[in-house]
PDB file of all heavy atoms in Angstrom:
ATOM      1  N   LEU A   1     -93.761 -57.722-103.640  1.00  0.00           N
ATOM      2  CA  LEU A   1     -93.080 -57.430-104.899  1.00  0.00           C
ATOM      3  C   LEU A   1     -91.589 -57.204-104.718  1.00  0.00           C
ATOM      4  O   LEU A   1     -90.782 -57.635-105.536  1.00  0.00           O
ATOM      5  CB  LEU A   1     -93.733 -56.243-105.597  1.00  0.00           C
ATOM      6  CG  LEU A   1     -95.139 -56.494-106.113  1.00  0.00           C
ATOM      7  CD1 LEU A   1     -95.813 -55.191-106.529  1.00  0.00           C
ATOM      8  CD2 LEU A   1     -95.152 -57.495-107.245  1.00  0.00           C
ATOM      9  N   THR A   2     -91.195 -56.526-103.638  1.00  0.00           N
ATOM     10  CA  THR A   2     -89.767 -56.297-103.434  1.00  0.00           C
ATOM     11  C   THR A   2     -89.035 -57.604-103.161  1.00  0.00           C
ATOM     12  O   THR A   2     -87.840 -57.699-103.443  1.00  0.00           O
ATOM     13  CB  THR A   2     -89.492 -55.275-102.309  1.00  0.00           C
ATOM     14  OG1 THR A   2     -90.136 -55.708-101.110  1.00  0.00           O
ATOM     15  CG2 THR A   2     -89.965 -53.898-102.700  1.00  0.00           C
ATOM     16  N   ALA A   3     -89.743 -58.613-102.668  1.00  0.00           N
ATOM     17  CA  ALA A   3     -89.123 -59.926-102.454  1.00  0.00           C
ATOM     18  C   ALA A   3     -88.682 -60.556-103.769  1.00  0.00           C
ATOM     19  O   ALA A   3     -87.786 -61.415-103.775  1.00  0.00           O
ATOM     20  CB  ALA A   3     -90.083 -60.842-101.706  1.00  0.00           C
ATOM     21  N   ILE A   4     -89.315 -60.160-104.875  1.00  0.00           N
ATOM     22  CA  ILE A   4     -88.933 -60.694-106.197  1.00  0.00           C
ATOM     23  C   ILE A   4     -88.463 -59.587-107.146  1.00  0.00           C
ATOM     24  O   ILE A   4     -88.527 -59.723-108.350  1.00  0.00           O
ATOM     25  CB  ILE A   4     -90.103 -61.486-106.822  1.00  0.00           C
ATOM     26  CG1 ILE A   4     -91.357 -60.619-106.985  1.00  0.00           C
ATOM     27  CG2 ILE A   4     -90.408 -62.740-106.008  1.00  0.00           C
ATOM     28  CD1 ILE A   4     -92.440 -61.219-107.841  1.00  0.00           C
ATOM     29  N   ALA A   5     -88.009 -58.471-106.564  1.00  0.00           N
ATOM     30  CA  ALA A   5     -87.620 -57.309-107.356  1.00  0.00           C
ATOM     31  C   ALA A   5     -86.578 -57.641-108.413  1.00  0.00           C
ATOM     32  O   ALA A   5     -86.627 -57.107-109.514  1.00  0.00           O
ATOM     33  CB  ALA A   5     -87.112 -56.198-106.447  1.00  0.00           C
ATOM     34  N   ASP A   6     -85.644 -58.525-108.106  1.00  0.00           N
ATOM     35  CA  ASP A   6     -84.609 -58.870-109.082  1.00  0.00           C
ATOM     36  C   ASP A   6     -85.213 -59.498-110.331  1.00  0.00           C
ATOM     37  O   ASP A   6     -84.744 -59.271-111.447  1.00  0.00           O
ATOM     38  CB  ASP A   6     -83.548 -59.773-108.456  1.00  0.00           C
ATOM     39  CG  ASP A   6     -84.118 -61.069-107.896  1.00  0.00           C
ATOM     40  OD1 ASP A   6     -85.249 -61.058-107.363  1.00  0.00           O
ATOM     41  OD2 ASP A   6     -83.414 -62.103-107.974  1.00  0.00           O
ATOM     42  N   ARG A   7     -86.285 -60.276-110.176  1.00  0.00           N
ATOM     43  CA  ARG A   7     -86.924 -60.921-111.333  1.00  0.00           C
ATOM     44  C   ARG A   7     -87.817 -59.948-112.099  1.00  0.00           C
ATOM     45  O   ARG A   7     -88.199 -60.226-113.229  1.00  0.00           O
ATOM     46  CB  ARG A   7     -87.725 -62.131-110.867  1.00  0.00           C
ATOM     47  CG  ARG A   7     -86.816 -63.213-110.300  1.00  0.00           C
ATOM     48  CD  ARG A   7     -87.452 -64.549-110.122  1.00  0.00           C
ATOM     49  NE  ARG A   7     -88.796 -64.544-109.579  1.00  0.00           N
ATOM     50  CZ  ARG A   7     -89.187 -65.230-108.518  1.00  0.00           C
ATOM     51  NH1 ARG A   7     -88.334 -65.991-107.870  1.00  0.00           N
ATOM     52  NH2 ARG A   7     -90.427 -65.179-108.120  1.00  0.00           N
ATOM     53  N   LEU A   8     -88.153 -58.834-111.469  1.00  0.00           N
ATOM     54  CA  LEU A   8     -89.019 -57.838-112.127  1.00  0.00           C
ATOM     55  C   LEU A   8     -88.231 -56.692-112.749  1.00  0.00           C
ATOM     56  O   LEU A   8     -88.806 -55.838-113.432  1.00  0.00           O
ATOM     57  CB  LEU A   8     -90.047 -57.303-111.132  1.00  0.00           C
ATOM     58  CG  LEU A   8     -90.989 -58.337-110.533  1.00  0.00           C
ATOM     59  CD1 LEU A   8     -91.912 -57.685-109.505  1.00  0.00           C
ATOM     60  CD2 LEU A   8     -91.793 -59.034-111.609  1.00  0.00           C
ATOM     61  N   ALA A   9     -86.935 -56.644-112.509  1.00  0.00           N
ATOM     62  CA  ALA A   9     -86.095 -55.567-113.040  1.00  0.00           C
ATOM     63  C   ALA A   9     -86.212 -55.500-114.565  1.00  0.00           C
ATOM     64  O   ALA A   9     -86.143 -56.509-115.253  1.00  0.00           O
ATOM     65  CB  ALA A   9     -84.657 -55.778-112.620  1.00  0.00           C
ATOM     66  N   GLY A  10     -86.433 -54.298-115.071  1.00  0.00           N
ATOM     67  CA  GLY A  10     -86.543 -54.071-116.497  1.00  0.00           C
ATOM     68  C   GLY A  10     -87.905 -54.372-117.086  1.00  0.00           C
ATOM     69  O   GLY A  10     -88.152 -54.091-118.247  1.00  0.00           O
ATOM     70  N   LYS A  11     -88.789 -54.941-116.300  1.00  0.00           N
ATOM     71  CA  LYS A  11     -90.125 -55.302-116.789  1.00  0.00           C
ATOM     72  C   LYS A  11     -91.142 -54.183-116.538  1.00  0.00           C
ATOM     73  O   LYS A  11     -90.946 -53.340-115.675  1.00  0.00           O
ATOM     74  CB  LYS A  11     -90.620 -56.574-116.098  1.00  0.00           C
ATOM     75  CG  LYS A  11     -89.855 -57.833-116.486  1.00  0.00           C
ATOM     76  CD  LYS A  11     -90.489 -59.045-115.865  1.00  0.00           C
ATOM     77  CE  LYS A  11     -89.903 -60.372-116.231  1.00  0.00           C
ATOM     78  NZ  LYS A  11     -88.657 -60.482-116.847  1.00  0.00           N
ATOM     79  N   THR A  12     -92.220 -54.230-117.292  1.00  0.00           N
ATOM     80  CA  THR A  12     -93.363 -53.367-117.041  1.00  0.00           C
ATOM     81  C   THR A  12     -94.265 -54.070-116.027  1.00  0.00           C
ATOM     82  O   THR A  12     -94.585 -55.236-116.190  1.00  0.00           O
ATOM     83  CB  THR A  12     -94.165 -53.123-118.349  1.00  0.00           C
ATOM     84  OG1 THR A  12     -93.343 -52.402-119.262  1.00  0.00           O
ATOM     85  CG2 THR A  12     -95.439 -52.354-118.078  1.00  0.00           C
ATOM     86  N   LEU A  13     -94.625 -53.355-114.975  1.00  0.00           N
ATOM     87  CA  LEU A  13     -95.537 -53.867-113.981  1.00  0.00           C
ATOM     88  C   LEU A  13     -96.795 -52.991-114.003  1.00  0.00           C
ATOM     89  O   LEU A  13     -96.741 -51.800-113.728  1.00  0.00           O
ATOM     90  CB  LEU A  13     -94.918 -53.836-112.584  1.00  0.00           C
ATOM     91  CG  LEU A  13     -95.777 -54.427-111.474  1.00  0.00           C
ATOM     92  CD1 LEU A  13     -94.897 -55.196-110.486  1.00  0.00           C
ATOM     93  CD2 LEU A  13     -96.583 -53.389-110.752  1.00  0.00           C
ATOM     94  N   ILE A  14     -97.916 -53.584-114.380  1.00  0.00           N
ATOM     95  CA  ILE A  14     -99.189 -52.867-114.349  1.00  0.00           C
ATOM     96  C   ILE A  14     -99.808 -53.110-112.985  1.00  0.00           C
ATOM     97  O   ILE A  14    -100.078 -54.252-112.612  1.00  0.00           O
ATOM     98  CB  ILE A  14    -100.141 -53.333-115.472  1.00  0.00           C
ATOM     99  CG1 ILE A  14     -99.497 -53.103-116.837  1.00  0.00           C
ATOM    100  CG2 ILE A  14    -101.475 -52.577-115.365  1.00  0.00           C
ATOM    101  CD1 ILE A  14    -100.302 -53.668-117.991  1.00  0.00           C
ATOM    102  N   ASP A  15    -100.005 -52.043-112.255  1.00  0.00           N
ATOM    103  CA  ASP A  15    -100.554 -52.140-110.896  1.00  0.00           C
ATOM    104  C   ASP A  15    -102.028 -51.750-110.916  1.00  0.00           C
ATOM    105  O   ASP A  15    -102.371 -50.662-111.349  1.00  0.00           O
ATOM    106  CB  ASP A  15     -99.781 -51.194-109.979  1.00  0.00           C
ATOM    107  CG  ASP A  15    -100.362 -51.166-108.569  1.00  0.00           C
ATOM    108  OD1 ASP A  15    -100.646 -52.238-108.015  1.00  0.00           O
ATOM    109  OD2 ASP A  15    -100.539 -50.046-108.057  1.00  0.00           O
ATOM    110  N   TYR A  16    -102.890 -52.668-110.461  1.00  0.00           N
ATOM    111  CA  TYR A  16    -104.296 -52.329-110.326  1.00  0.00           C
ATOM    112  C   TYR A  16    -104.798 -52.482-108.897  1.00  0.00           C
ATOM    113  O   TYR A  16    -105.987 -52.466-108.627  1.00  0.00           O
ATOM    114  CB  TYR A  16    -105.164 -53.110-111.335  1.00  0.00           C
ATOM    115  CG  TYR A  16    -105.481 -54.546-110.970  1.00  0.00           C
ATOM    116  CD1 TYR A  16    -106.590 -54.863-110.201  1.00  0.00           C
ATOM    117  CD2 TYR A  16    -104.687 -55.576-111.441  1.00  0.00           C
ATOM    118  CE1 TYR A  16    -106.891 -56.172-109.892  1.00  0.00           C
ATOM    119  CE2 TYR A  16    -104.980 -56.889-111.140  1.00  0.00           C
ATOM    120  CZ  TYR A  16    -106.084 -57.178-110.365  1.00  0.00           C
ATOM    121  OH  TYR A  16    -106.376 -58.478-110.054  1.00  0.00           O
ATOM    122  N   ALA A  17    -103.872 -52.590-107.962  1.00  0.00           N
ATOM    123  CA  ALA A  17    -104.248 -52.741-106.561  1.00  0.00           C
ATOM    124  C   ALA A  17    -104.733 -51.418-105.972  1.00  0.00           C
ATOM    125  O   ALA A  17    -104.331 -50.339-106.399  1.00  0.00           O
ATOM    126  CB  ALA A  17    -103.065 -53.274-105.761  1.00  0.00           C
ATOM    127  N   VAL A  18    -105.611 -51.541-104.989  1.00  0.00           N
ATOM    128  CA  VAL A  18    -106.123 -50.370-104.259  1.00  0.00           C
ATOM    129  C   VAL A  18    -105.556 -50.469-102.836  1.00  0.00           C
ATOM    130  O   VAL A  18    -105.620 -51.524-102.217  1.00  0.00           O
ATOM    131  CB  VAL A  18    -107.661 -50.379-104.222  1.00  0.00           C
ATOM    132  CG1 VAL A  18    -108.170 -49.190-103.425  1.00  0.00           C
ATOM    133  CG2 VAL A  18    -108.227 -50.352-105.630  1.00  0.00           C
ATOM    134  N   PRO A  19    -105.019 -49.362-102.294  1.00  0.00           N
ATOM    135  CA  PRO A  19    -104.403 -49.412-100.969  1.00  0.00           C
ATOM    136  C   PRO A  19    -105.440 -49.335 -99.837  1.00  0.00           C
ATOM    137  O   PRO A  19    -105.451 -48.409 -99.027  1.00  0.00           O
ATOM    138  CB  PRO A  19    -103.488 -48.192-100.979  1.00  0.00           C
ATOM    139  CG  PRO A  19    -104.184 -47.212-101.850  1.00  0.00           C
ATOM    140  CD  PRO A  19    -104.829 -48.055-102.942  1.00  0.00           C
ATOM    141  N   PHE A  20    -106.296 -50.323 -99.764  1.00  0.00           N
ATOM    142  CA  PHE A  20    -107.350 -50.367 -98.743  1.00  0.00           C
ATOM    143  C   PHE A  20    -106.794 -50.832 -97.405  1.00  0.00           C
ATOM    144  O   PHE A  20    -105.971 -51.750 -97.334  1.00  0.00           O
ATOM    145  CB  PHE A  20    -108.464 -51.336 -99.132  1.00  0.00           C
ATOM    146  CG  PHE A  20    -109.491 -50.765-100.066  1.00  0.00           C
ATOM    147  CD1 PHE A  20    -110.070 -51.582-101.024  1.00  0.00           C
ATOM    148  CD2 PHE A  20    -109.898 -49.447 -99.997  1.00  0.00           C
ATOM    149  CE1 PHE A  20    -111.057 -51.098-101.880  1.00  0.00           C
ATOM    150  CE2 PHE A  20    -110.875 -48.945-100.865  1.00  0.00           C
ATOM    151  CZ  PHE A  20    -111.442 -49.774-101.796  1.00  0.00           C
ATOM    152  N   VAL A  21    -107.302 -50.223 -96.340  1.00  0.00           N
ATOM    153  CA  VAL A  21    -107.084 -50.671 -94.977  1.00  0.00           C
ATOM    154  C   VAL A  21    -108.426 -51.170 -94.478  1.00  0.00           C
ATOM    155  O   VAL A  21    -109.383 -50.386 -94.383  1.00  0.00           O
ATOM    156  CB  VAL A  21    -106.550 -49.537 -94.070  1.00  0.00           C
ATOM    157  CG1 VAL A  21    -106.435 -50.020 -92.620  1.00  0.00           C
ATOM    158  CG2 VAL A  21    -105.226 -49.023 -94.580  1.00  0.00           C
ATOM    159  N   TYR A  22    -108.503 -52.452 -94.192  1.00  0.00           N
ATOM    160  CA  TYR A  22    -109.747 -53.057 -93.746  1.00  0.00           C
ATOM    161  C   TYR A  22    -109.794 -53.065 -92.211  1.00  0.00           C
ATOM    162  O   TYR A  22    -108.781 -53.018 -91.544  1.00  0.00           O
ATOM    163  CB  TYR A  22    -109.848 -54.496 -94.261  1.00  0.00           C
ATOM    164  CG  TYR A  22    -109.903 -54.576 -95.777  1.00  0.00           C
ATOM    165  CD1 TYR A  22    -108.745 -54.759 -96.514  1.00  0.00           C
ATOM    166  CD2 TYR A  22    -111.106 -54.436 -96.448  1.00  0.00           C
ATOM    167  CE1 TYR A  22    -108.785 -54.812 -97.904  1.00  0.00           C
ATOM    168  CE2 TYR A  22    -111.160 -54.483 -97.834  1.00  0.00           C
ATOM    169  CZ  TYR A  22    -109.997 -54.676 -98.552  1.00  0.00           C
ATOM    170  OH  TYR A  22    -110.031 -54.723 -99.920  1.00  0.00           O
ATOM    171  N   GLN A  23    -110.989 -53.143 -91.684  1.00  0.00           N
ATOM    172  CA  GLN A  23    -111.227 -53.236 -90.234  1.00  0.00           C
ATOM    173  C   GLN A  23    -110.519 -52.126 -89.466  1.00  0.00           C
ATOM    174  O   GLN A  23    -109.862 -52.364 -88.461  1.00  0.00           O
ATOM    175  CB  GLN A  23    -110.811 -54.621 -89.727  1.00  0.00           C
ATOM    176  CG  GLN A  23    -111.592 -55.729 -90.413  1.00  0.00           C
ATOM    177  CD  GLN A  23    -111.094 -57.090 -90.070  1.00  0.00           C
ATOM    178  OE1 GLN A  23    -109.992 -57.276 -89.577  1.00  0.00           O
ATOM    179  NE2 GLN A  23    -111.914 -58.101 -90.338  1.00  0.00           N
ATOM    180  N   HIS A  24    -110.662 -50.911 -89.946  1.00  0.00           N
ATOM    181  CA  HIS A  24    -110.078 -49.768 -89.289  1.00  0.00           C
ATOM    182  C   HIS A  24    -111.129 -49.087 -88.397  1.00  0.00           C
ATOM    183  O   HIS A  24    -112.326 -49.349 -88.528  1.00  0.00           O
ATOM    184  CB  HIS A  24    -109.570 -48.747 -90.340  1.00  0.00           C
ATOM    185  CG  HIS A  24    -110.690 -48.218 -91.203  1.00  0.00           C
ATOM    186  ND1 HIS A  24    -111.351 -47.054 -90.909  1.00  0.00           N
ATOM    187  CD2 HIS A  24    -111.267 -48.720 -92.311  1.00  0.00           C
ATOM    188  CE1 HIS A  24    -112.313 -46.873 -91.809  1.00  0.00           C
ATOM    189  NE2 HIS A  24    -112.271 -47.845 -92.685  1.00  0.00           N
ATOM    190  N   GLN A  25    -110.669 -48.260 -87.494  1.00  0.00           N
ATOM    191  CA  GLN A  25    -111.570 -47.477 -86.655  1.00  0.00           C
ATOM    192  C   GLN A  25    -111.732 -46.112 -87.306  1.00  0.00           C
ATOM    193  O   GLN A  25    -110.760 -45.469 -87.673  1.00  0.00           O
ATOM    194  CB  GLN A  25    -110.992 -47.323 -85.246  1.00  0.00           C
ATOM    195  CG  GLN A  25    -110.830 -48.636 -84.513  1.00  0.00           C
ATOM    196  CD  GLN A  25    -112.172 -49.337 -84.297  1.00  0.00           C
ATOM    197  OE1 GLN A  25    -113.147 -48.710 -83.914  1.00  0.00           O
ATOM    198  NE2 GLN A  25    -112.203 -50.632 -84.565  1.00  0.00           N
ATOM    199  N   SER A  26    -112.984 -45.688 -87.469  1.00  0.00           N
ATOM    200  CA  SER A  26    -113.262 -44.412 -88.120  1.00  0.00           C
ATOM    201  C   SER A  26    -114.214 -43.594 -87.277  1.00  0.00           C
ATOM    202  O   SER A  26    -115.208 -44.127 -86.757  1.00  0.00           O
ATOM    203  CB  SER A  26    -113.872 -44.661 -89.506  1.00  0.00           C
ATOM    204  OG  SER A  26    -114.261 -43.456 -90.098  1.00  0.00           O
ATOM    205  N   GLU A  27    -113.925 -42.318 -87.172  1.00  0.00           N
ATOM    206  CA  GLU A  27    -114.812 -41.424 -86.435  1.00  0.00           C
ATOM    207  C   GLU A  27    -116.177 -41.307 -87.139  1.00  0.00           C
ATOM    208  O   GLU A  27    -117.200 -41.170 -86.496  1.00  0.00           O
ATOM    209  CB  GLU A  27    -114.164 -40.042 -86.332  1.00  0.00           C
ATOM    210  CG  GLU A  27    -114.957 -39.066 -85.488  1.00  0.00           C
ATOM    211  CD  GLU A  27    -114.240 -37.732 -85.330  1.00  0.00           C
ATOM    212  OE1 GLU A  27    -113.032 -37.647 -85.598  1.00  0.00           O
ATOM    213  OE2 GLU A  27    -114.911 -36.771 -84.932  1.00  0.00           O
ATOM    214  N   HIS A  28    -116.155 -41.368 -88.450  1.00  0.00           N
ATOM    215  CA  HIS A  28    -117.378 -41.274 -89.257  1.00  0.00           C
ATOM    216  C   HIS A  28    -117.395 -42.425 -90.257  1.00  0.00           C
ATOM    217  O   HIS A  28    -117.116 -42.224 -91.434  1.00  0.00           O
ATOM    218  CB  HIS A  28    -117.446 -39.920 -89.990  1.00  0.00           C
ATOM    219  CG  HIS A  28    -117.333 -38.750 -89.070  1.00  0.00           C
ATOM    220  ND1 HIS A  28    -118.346 -38.351 -88.247  1.00  0.00           N
ATOM    221  CD2 HIS A  28    -116.300 -37.913 -88.838  1.00  0.00           C
ATOM    222  CE1 HIS A  28    -117.964 -37.305 -87.546  1.00  0.00           C
ATOM    223  NE2 HIS A  28    -116.721 -37.015 -87.888  1.00  0.00           N
ATOM    224  N   PRO A  29    -117.718 -43.632 -89.806  1.00  0.00           N
ATOM    225  CA  PRO A  29    -117.676 -44.793 -90.711  1.00  0.00           C
ATOM    226  C   PRO A  29    -118.705 -44.711 -91.826  1.00  0.00           C
ATOM    227  O   PRO A  29    -119.746 -44.073 -91.696  1.00  0.00           O
ATOM    228  CB  PRO A  29    -117.962 -45.986 -89.795  1.00  0.00           C
ATOM    229  CG  PRO A  29    -118.686 -45.397 -88.637  1.00  0.00           C
ATOM    230  CD  PRO A  29    -118.195 -43.998 -88.479  1.00  0.00           C
ATOM    231  N   TRP A  30    -118.344 -45.328 -92.944  1.00  0.00           N
ATOM    232  CA  TRP A  30    -119.231 -45.413 -94.106  1.00  0.00           C
ATOM    233  C   TRP A  30    -119.747 -46.841 -94.144  1.00  0.00           C
ATOM    234  O   TRP A  30    -119.060 -47.747 -94.582  1.00  0.00           O
ATOM    235  CB  TRP A  30    -118.434 -45.073 -95.346  1.00  0.00           C
ATOM    236  CG  TRP A  30    -119.161 -45.139 -96.652  1.00  0.00           C
ATOM    237  CD1 TRP A  30    -120.458 -45.488 -96.879  1.00  0.00           C
ATOM    238  CD2 TRP A  30    -118.606 -44.844 -97.933  1.00  0.00           C
ATOM    239  NE1 TRP A  30    -120.744 -45.427 -98.220  1.00  0.00           N
ATOM    240  CE2 TRP A  30    -119.621 -45.024 -98.887  1.00  0.00           C
ATOM    241  CE3 TRP A  30    -117.344 -44.443 -98.371  1.00  0.00           C
ATOM    242  CZ2 TRP A  30    -119.415 -44.837-100.249  1.00  0.00           C
ATOM    243  CZ3 TRP A  30    -117.156 -44.242 -99.724  1.00  0.00           C
ATOM    244  CH2 TRP A  30    -118.178 -44.425-100.644  1.00  0.00           C
ATOM    245  N   PRO A  31    -120.995 -47.040 -93.676  1.00  0.00           N
ATOM    246  CA  PRO A  31    -121.544 -48.403 -93.688  1.00  0.00           C
ATOM    247  C   PRO A  31    -121.845 -48.870 -95.106  1.00  0.00           C
ATOM    248  O   PRO A  31    -122.279 -48.090 -95.936  1.00  0.00           O
ATOM    249  CB  PRO A  31    -122.807 -48.300 -92.842  1.00  0.00           C
ATOM    250  CG  PRO A  31    -123.149 -46.846 -92.810  1.00  0.00           C
ATOM    251  CD  PRO A  31    -121.906 -46.075 -93.106  1.00  0.00           C
ATOM    252  N   THR A  32    -121.563 -50.135 -95.360  1.00  0.00           N
ATOM    253  CA  THR A  32    -121.832 -50.747 -96.651  1.00  0.00           C
ATOM    254  C   THR A  32    -122.541 -52.068 -96.406  1.00  0.00           C
ATOM    255  O   THR A  32    -122.613 -52.536 -95.271  1.00  0.00           O
ATOM    256  CB  THR A  32    -120.508 -51.003 -97.417  1.00  0.00           C
ATOM    257  OG1 THR A  32    -119.811 -52.044 -96.747  1.00  0.00           O
ATOM    258  CG2 THR A  32    -119.647 -49.766 -97.512  1.00  0.00           C
ATOM    259  N   PRO A  33    -123.047 -52.701 -97.444  1.00  0.00           N
ATOM    260  CA  PRO A  33    -123.685 -54.021 -97.272  1.00  0.00           C
ATOM    261  C   PRO A  33    -122.762 -55.082 -96.675  1.00  0.00           C
ATOM    262  O   PRO A  33    -123.210 -56.077 -96.142  1.00  0.00           O
ATOM    263  CB  PRO A  33    -124.119 -54.405 -98.682  1.00  0.00           C
ATOM    264  CG  PRO A  33    -124.268 -53.106 -99.398  1.00  0.00           C
ATOM    265  CD  PRO A  33    -123.193 -52.226 -98.819  1.00  0.00           C
ATOM    266  N   TRP A  34    -121.434 -54.908 -96.774  1.00  0.00           N
ATOM    267  CA  TRP A  34    -120.495 -55.907 -96.275  1.00  0.00           C
ATOM    268  C   TRP A  34    -119.756 -55.451 -95.016  1.00  0.00           C
ATOM    269  O   TRP A  34    -118.859 -56.115 -94.552  1.00  0.00           O
ATOM    270  CB  TRP A  34    -119.489 -56.316 -97.338  1.00  0.00           C
ATOM    271  CG  TRP A  34    -118.626 -55.171 -97.804  1.00  0.00           C
ATOM    272  CD1 TRP A  34    -117.482 -54.728 -97.201  1.00  0.00           C
ATOM    273  CD2 TRP A  34    -118.817 -54.358 -98.934  1.00  0.00           C
ATOM    274  NE1 TRP A  34    -116.968 -53.670 -97.885  1.00  0.00           N
ATOM    275  CE2 TRP A  34    -117.770 -53.413 -98.959  1.00  0.00           C
ATOM    276  CE3 TRP A  34    -119.785 -54.292 -99.932  1.00  0.00           C
ATOM    277  CZ2 TRP A  34    -117.660 -52.436 -99.946  1.00  0.00           C
ATOM    278  CZ3 TRP A  34    -119.662 -53.329-100.901  1.00  0.00           C
ATOM    279  CH2 TRP A  34    -118.614 -52.417-100.914  1.00  0.00           C
ATOM    280  N   GLY A  35    -120.139 -54.318 -94.444  1.00  0.00           N
ATOM    281  CA  GLY A  35    -119.464 -53.776 -93.267  1.00  0.00           C
ATOM    282  C   GLY A  35    -119.079 -52.345 -93.500  1.00  0.00           C
ATOM    283  O   GLY A  35    -119.721 -51.634 -94.268  1.00  0.00           O
TER     284      GLY A  35
END
């Protein structure tokens, strides 16, 4: 987004992203059907 910040200036940006980190190492992993 910052690469196109000039084109987004003054606009409304609706953010629905989730800040997930995939393939991480966890002391207590939460297993799911997909990993």
